[in-house]
Amino acid sequence: MRIKGALSSRSARAWLLKLGWNWKEVKKGIYKDGHEQEDVKEYWDKVFLPQMQSIQLSIIE
């Protein structure tokens, strides 16, 4: 079923190109190579996870 006035996939791709974006399909899922490197793990432990925890606690309170 098509919604009237909905943007087709082909039109969306054409607009992405006009706006300077590239269209590509990522088949690897969420993670890309390098997500388990030491610097990434350190960032998650020292920066990202504490920030997420403080956001979660502020939402709960």
PDB file of N, CA and C in Angstrom:
ATOM      1  N   MET A   1       0.841  -1.178   0.000  1.00  0.00           N
ATOM      2  CA  MET A   1       0.000   0.000   0.000  1.00  0.00           C
ATOM      3  C   MET A   1       0.889   1.245   0.000  1.00  0.00           C
ATOM      4  N   ARG A   2       0.602   2.155  -0.877  1.00  0.00           N
ATOM      5  CA  ARG A   2       1.367   3.402  -0.953  1.00  0.00           C
ATOM      6  C   ARG A   2       0.576   4.516  -0.304  1.00  0.00           C
ATOM      7  N   ILE A   3       1.258   5.345   0.415  1.00  0.00           N
ATOM      8  CA  ILE A   3       0.637   6.517   1.027  1.00  0.00           C
ATOM      9  C   ILE A   3       0.734   7.662   0.039  1.00  0.00           C
ATOM     10  N   LYS A   4      -0.366   8.347  -0.189  1.00  0.00           N
ATOM     11  CA  LYS A   4      -0.379   9.454  -1.142  1.00  0.00           C
ATOM     12  C   LYS A   4       0.598  10.531  -0.684  1.00  0.00           C
ATOM     13  N   GLY A   5       1.467  10.929  -1.570  1.00  0.00           N
ATOM     14  CA  GLY A   5       2.431  11.968  -1.264  1.00  0.00           C
ATOM     15  C   GLY A   5       3.697  11.458  -0.597  1.00  0.00           C
ATOM     16  N   ALA A   6       3.795  10.142  -0.411  1.00  0.00           N
ATOM     17  CA  ALA A   6       4.992   9.578   0.209  1.00  0.00           C
ATOM     18  C   ALA A   6       6.153   9.639  -0.786  1.00  0.00           C
ATOM     19  N   LEU A   7       7.342   9.796  -0.284  1.00  0.00           N
ATOM     20  CA  LEU A   7       8.532   9.880  -1.102  1.00  0.00           C
ATOM     21  C   LEU A   7       9.000   8.471  -1.463  1.00  0.00           C
ATOM     22  N   SER A   8       9.196   8.231  -2.737  1.00  0.00           N
ATOM     23  CA  SER A   8       9.663   6.909  -3.158  1.00  0.00           C
ATOM     24  C   SER A   8      11.143   6.751  -2.821  1.00  0.00           C
ATOM     25  N   SER A   9      11.570   5.530  -2.781  1.00  0.00           N
ATOM     26  CA  SER A   9      12.973   5.232  -2.502  1.00  0.00           C
ATOM     27  C   SER A   9      13.873   5.859  -3.564  1.00  0.00           C
ATOM     28  N   ARG A  10      13.456   5.798  -4.794  1.00  0.00           N
ATOM     29  CA  ARG A  10      14.244   6.366  -5.891  1.00  0.00           C
ATOM     30  C   ARG A  10      14.361   7.883  -5.760  1.00  0.00           C
ATOM     31  N   SER A  11      13.267   8.542  -5.409  1.00  0.00           N
ATOM     32  CA  SER A  11      13.302   9.994  -5.222  1.00  0.00           C
ATOM     33  C   SER A  11      14.172  10.376  -4.028  1.00  0.00           C
ATOM     34  N   ALA A  12      14.086   9.590  -2.968  1.00  0.00           N
ATOM     35  CA  ALA A  12      14.898   9.860  -1.782  1.00  0.00           C
ATOM     36  C   ALA A  12      16.378   9.767  -2.126  1.00  0.00           C
ATOM     37  N   ARG A  13      16.755   8.758  -2.891  1.00  0.00           N
ATOM     38  CA  ARG A  13      18.153   8.606  -3.299  1.00  0.00           C
ATOM     39  C   ARG A  13      18.601   9.778  -4.163  1.00  0.00           C
ATOM     40  N   ALA A  14      17.735  10.209  -5.077  1.00  0.00           N
ATOM     41  CA  ALA A  14      18.069  11.348  -5.941  1.00  0.00           C
ATOM     42  C   ALA A  14      18.284  12.605  -5.104  1.00  0.00           C
ATOM     43  N   TRP A  15      17.425  12.835  -4.108  1.00  0.00           N
ATOM     44  CA  TRP A  15      17.583  14.004  -3.245  1.00  0.00           C
ATOM     45  C   TRP A  15      18.854  13.905  -2.410  1.00  0.00           C
ATOM     46  N   LEU A  16      19.183  12.726  -1.928  1.00  0.00           N
ATOM     47  CA  LEU A  16      20.427  12.552  -1.173  1.00  0.00           C
ATOM     48  C   LEU A  16      21.629  12.947  -2.032  1.00  0.00           C
ATOM     49  N   LEU A  17      21.631  12.517  -3.282  1.00  0.00           N
ATOM     50  CA  LEU A  17      22.724  12.875  -4.187  1.00  0.00           C
ATOM     51  C   LEU A  17      22.791  14.379  -4.410  1.00  0.00           C
ATOM     52  N   LYS A  18      21.634  15.030  -4.599  1.00  0.00           N
ATOM     53  CA  LYS A  18      21.609  16.477  -4.805  1.00  0.00           C
ATOM     54  C   LYS A  18      22.124  17.225  -3.585  1.00  0.00           C
ATOM     55  N   LEU A  19      21.890  16.669  -2.407  1.00  0.00           N
ATOM     56  CA  LEU A  19      22.329  17.309  -1.166  1.00  0.00           C
ATOM     57  C   LEU A  19      23.769  16.947  -0.803  1.00  0.00           C
ATOM     58  N   GLY A  20      24.411  16.137  -1.644  1.00  0.00           N
ATOM     59  CA  GLY A  20      25.804  15.790  -1.417  1.00  0.00           C
ATOM     60  C   GLY A  20      26.011  14.552  -0.561  1.00  0.00           C
ATOM     61  N   TRP A  21      24.975  13.799  -0.301  1.00  0.00           N
ATOM     62  CA  TRP A  21      25.080  12.580   0.488  1.00  0.00           C
ATOM     63  C   TRP A  21      25.223  11.387  -0.456  1.00  0.00           C
ATOM     64  N   ASN A  22      25.739  10.301   0.076  1.00  0.00           N
ATOM     65  CA  ASN A  22      25.863   9.064  -0.691  1.00  0.00           C
ATOM     66  C   ASN A  22      24.915   8.022  -0.125  1.00  0.00           C
ATOM     67  N   TRP A  23      24.386   7.200  -0.987  1.00  0.00           N
ATOM     68  CA  TRP A  23      23.507   6.123  -0.583  1.00  0.00           C
ATOM     69  C   TRP A  23      24.297   4.831  -0.624  1.00  0.00           C
ATOM     70  N   LYS A  24      24.311   4.105   0.486  1.00  0.00           N
ATOM     71  CA  LYS A  24      24.931   2.782   0.468  1.00  0.00           C
ATOM     72  C   LYS A  24      24.245   1.930   1.527  1.00  0.00           C
ATOM     73  N   GLU A  25      24.230   0.661   1.270  1.00  0.00           N
ATOM     74  CA  GLU A  25      23.618  -0.283   2.191  1.00  0.00           C
ATOM     75  C   GLU A  25      24.708  -0.910   3.049  1.00  0.00           C
ATOM     76  N   VAL A  26      24.534  -0.845   4.360  1.00  0.00           N
ATOM     77  CA  VAL A  26      25.511  -1.413   5.279  1.00  0.00           C
ATOM     78  C   VAL A  26      25.003  -2.781   5.690  1.00  0.00           C
ATOM     79  N   LYS A  27      25.794  -3.788   5.451  1.00  0.00           N
ATOM     80  CA  LYS A  27      25.365  -5.156   5.719  1.00  0.00           C
ATOM     81  C   LYS A  27      26.004  -5.741   6.970  1.00  0.00           C
ATOM     82  N   LYS A  28      26.838  -4.964   7.663  1.00  0.00           N
ATOM     83  CA  LYS A  28      27.540  -5.495   8.811  1.00  0.00           C
ATOM     84  C   LYS A  28      26.739  -5.384  10.108  1.00  0.00           C
ATOM     85  N   GLY A  29      25.642  -4.685  10.096  1.00  0.00           N
ATOM     86  CA  GLY A  29      24.870  -4.521  11.315  1.00  0.00           C
ATOM     87  C   GLY A  29      25.331  -3.313  12.104  1.00  0.00           C
ATOM     88  N   ILE A  30      25.176  -3.371  13.404  1.00  0.00           N
ATOM     89  CA  ILE A  30      25.457  -2.226  14.264  1.00  0.00           C
ATOM     90  C   ILE A  30      26.952  -1.921  14.327  1.00  0.00           C
ATOM     91  N   TYR A  31      27.755  -2.930  14.545  1.00  0.00           N
ATOM     92  CA  TYR A  31      29.177  -2.711  14.788  1.00  0.00           C
ATOM     93  C   TYR A  31      29.982  -2.725  13.500  1.00  0.00           C
ATOM     94  N   LYS A  32      30.986  -1.907  13.481  1.00  0.00           N
ATOM     95  CA  LYS A  32      31.935  -1.910  12.380  1.00  0.00           C
ATOM     96  C   LYS A  32      33.276  -2.328  12.944  1.00  0.00           C
ATOM     97  N   ASP A  33      34.203  -2.659  12.090  1.00  0.00           N
ATOM     98  CA  ASP A  33      35.529  -3.066  12.545  1.00  0.00           C
ATOM     99  C   ASP A  33      36.110  -1.995  13.459  1.00  0.00           C
ATOM    100  N   GLY A  34      36.736  -2.412  14.529  1.00  0.00           N
ATOM    101  CA  GLY A  34      37.390  -1.482  15.424  1.00  0.00           C
ATOM    102  C   GLY A  34      36.601  -1.161  16.671  1.00  0.00           C
ATOM    103  N   HIS A  35      35.409  -1.717  16.819  1.00  0.00           N
ATOM    104  CA  HIS A  35      34.592  -1.370  17.979  1.00  0.00           C
ATOM    105  C   HIS A  35      35.125  -1.978  19.268  1.00  0.00           C
ATOM    106  N   GLU A  36      36.083  -2.878  19.166  1.00  0.00           N
ATOM    107  CA  GLU A  36      36.663  -3.470  20.367  1.00  0.00           C
ATOM    108  C   GLU A  36      38.106  -3.028  20.588  1.00  0.00           C
ATOM    109  N   GLN A  37      38.529  -1.963  19.950  1.00  0.00           N
ATOM    110  CA  GLN A  37      39.872  -1.450  20.166  1.00  0.00           C
ATOM    111  C   GLN A  37      39.965  -0.856  21.565  1.00  0.00           C
ATOM    112  N   GLU A  38      41.165  -0.822  22.098  1.00  0.00           N
ATOM    113  CA  GLU A  38      41.371  -0.375  23.476  1.00  0.00           C
ATOM    114  C   GLU A  38      40.906   1.051  23.704  1.00  0.00           C
ATOM    115  N   ASP A  39      41.175   1.968  22.757  1.00  0.00           N
ATOM    116  CA  ASP A  39      40.761   3.354  22.951  1.00  0.00           C
ATOM    117  C   ASP A  39      39.240   3.492  22.970  1.00  0.00           C
ATOM    118  N   VAL A  40      38.561   2.662  22.200  1.00  0.00           N
ATOM    119  CA  VAL A  40      37.102   2.689  22.183  1.00  0.00           C
ATOM    120  C   VAL A  40      36.548   2.169  23.510  1.00  0.00           C
ATOM    121  N   LYS A  41      37.112   1.075  24.001  1.00  0.00           N
ATOM    122  CA  LYS A  41      36.679   0.531  25.293  1.00  0.00           C
ATOM    123  C   LYS A  41      36.904   1.547  26.414  1.00  0.00           C
ATOM    124  N   GLU A  42      38.049   2.218  26.370  1.00  0.00           N
ATOM    125  CA  GLU A  42      38.373   3.215  27.394  1.00  0.00           C
ATOM    126  C   GLU A  42      37.394   4.379  27.346  1.00  0.00           C
ATOM    127  N   TYR A  43      37.063   4.847  26.148  1.00  0.00           N
ATOM    128  CA  TYR A  43      36.084   5.929  25.997  1.00  0.00           C
ATOM    129  C   TYR A  43      34.737   5.512  26.565  1.00  0.00           C
ATOM    130  N   TRP A  44      34.285   4.317  26.238  1.00  0.00           N
ATOM    131  CA  TRP A  44      32.999   3.842  26.751  1.00  0.00           C
ATOM    132  C   TRP A  44      33.001   3.798  28.281  1.00  0.00           C
ATOM    133  N   ASP A  45      34.080   3.268  28.862  1.00  0.00           N
ATOM    134  CA  ASP A  45      34.141   3.124  30.312  1.00  0.00           C
ATOM    135  C   ASP A  45      34.255   4.459  31.034  1.00  0.00           C
ATOM    136  N   LYS A  46      35.036   5.390  30.485  1.00  0.00           N
ATOM    137  CA  LYS A  46      35.309   6.643  31.195  1.00  0.00           C
ATOM    138  C   LYS A  46      34.376   7.784  30.838  1.00  0.00           C
ATOM    139  N   VAL A  47      33.803   7.783  29.638  1.00  0.00           N
ATOM    140  CA  VAL A  47      32.999   8.925  29.184  1.00  0.00           C
ATOM    141  C   VAL A  47      31.551   8.529  28.898  1.00  0.00           C
ATOM    142  N   PHE A  48      31.368   7.631  27.964  1.00  0.00           N
ATOM    143  CA  PHE A  48      30.023   7.351  27.460  1.00  0.00           C
ATOM    144  C   PHE A  48      29.102   6.729  28.510  1.00  0.00           C
ATOM    145  N   LEU A  49      29.547   5.658  29.141  1.00  0.00           N
ATOM    146  CA  LEU A  49      28.682   4.975  30.108  1.00  0.00           C
ATOM    147  C   LEU A  49      28.333   5.853  31.316  1.00  0.00           C
ATOM    148  N   PRO A  50      29.288   6.613  31.892  1.00  0.00           N
ATOM    149  CA  PRO A  50      28.897   7.516  32.984  1.00  0.00           C
ATOM    150  C   PRO A  50      27.883   8.584  32.548  1.00  0.00           C
ATOM    151  N   GLN A  51      28.028   9.102  31.326  1.00  0.00           N
ATOM    152  CA  GLN A  51      27.056  10.080  30.829  1.00  0.00           C
ATOM    153  C   GLN A  51      25.673   9.449  30.688  1.00  0.00           C
ATOM    154  N   MET A  52      25.612   8.255  30.147  1.00  0.00           N
ATOM    155  CA  MET A  52      24.329   7.569  29.994  1.00  0.00           C
ATOM    156  C   MET A  52      23.707   7.268  31.356  1.00  0.00           C
ATOM    157  N   GLN A  53      24.526   6.911  32.315  1.00  0.00           N
ATOM    158  CA  GLN A  53      24.012   6.622  33.654  1.00  0.00           C
ATOM    159  C   GLN A  53      23.439   7.885  34.289  1.00  0.00           C
ATOM    160  N   SER A  54      24.112   9.022  34.130  1.00  0.00           N
ATOM    161  CA  SER A  54      23.590  10.258  34.719  1.00  0.00           C
ATOM    162  C   SER A  54      22.300  10.685  34.025  1.00  0.00           C
ATOM    163  N   ILE A  55      22.201  10.474  32.741  1.00  0.00           N
ATOM    164  CA  ILE A  55      20.959  10.787  32.026  1.00  0.00           C
ATOM    165  C   ILE A  55      19.838   9.878  32.511  1.00  0.00           C
ATOM    166  N   GLN A  56      20.137   8.592  32.653  1.00  0.00           N
ATOM    167  CA  GLN A  56      19.128   7.644  33.113  1.00  0.00           C
ATOM    168  C   GLN A  56      18.657   8.011  34.521  1.00  0.00           C
ATOM    169  N   LEU A  57      19.581   8.370  35.398  1.00  0.00           N
ATOM    170  CA  LEU A  57      19.202   8.727  36.767  1.00  0.00           C
ATOM    171  C   LEU A  57      18.368  10.006  36.791  1.00  0.00           C
ATOM    172  N   SER A  58      18.683  10.955  35.919  1.00  0.00           N
ATOM    173  CA  SER A  58      17.894  12.200  35.890  1.00  0.00           C
ATOM    174  C   SER A  58      16.485  11.942  35.372  1.00  0.00           C
ATOM    175  N   ILE A  59      16.320  10.962  34.504  1.00  0.00           N
ATOM    176  CA  ILE A  59      14.991  10.624  33.992  1.00  0.00           C
ATOM    177  C   ILE A  59      14.169   9.927  35.079  1.00  0.00           C
ATOM    178  N   ILE A  60      14.814   9.065  35.832  1.00  0.00           N
ATOM    179  CA  ILE A  60      14.120   8.301  36.877  1.00  0.00           C
ATOM    180  C   ILE A  60      13.656   9.223  38.003  1.00  0.00           C
ATOM    181  N   GLU A  61      14.480  10.195  38.357  1.00  0.00           N
ATOM    182  CA  GLU A  61      14.163  11.071  39.492  1.00  0.00           C
ATOM    183  C   GLU A  61      13.086  12.036  39.201  1.00  0.00           C
TER     184      GLU A  61
END
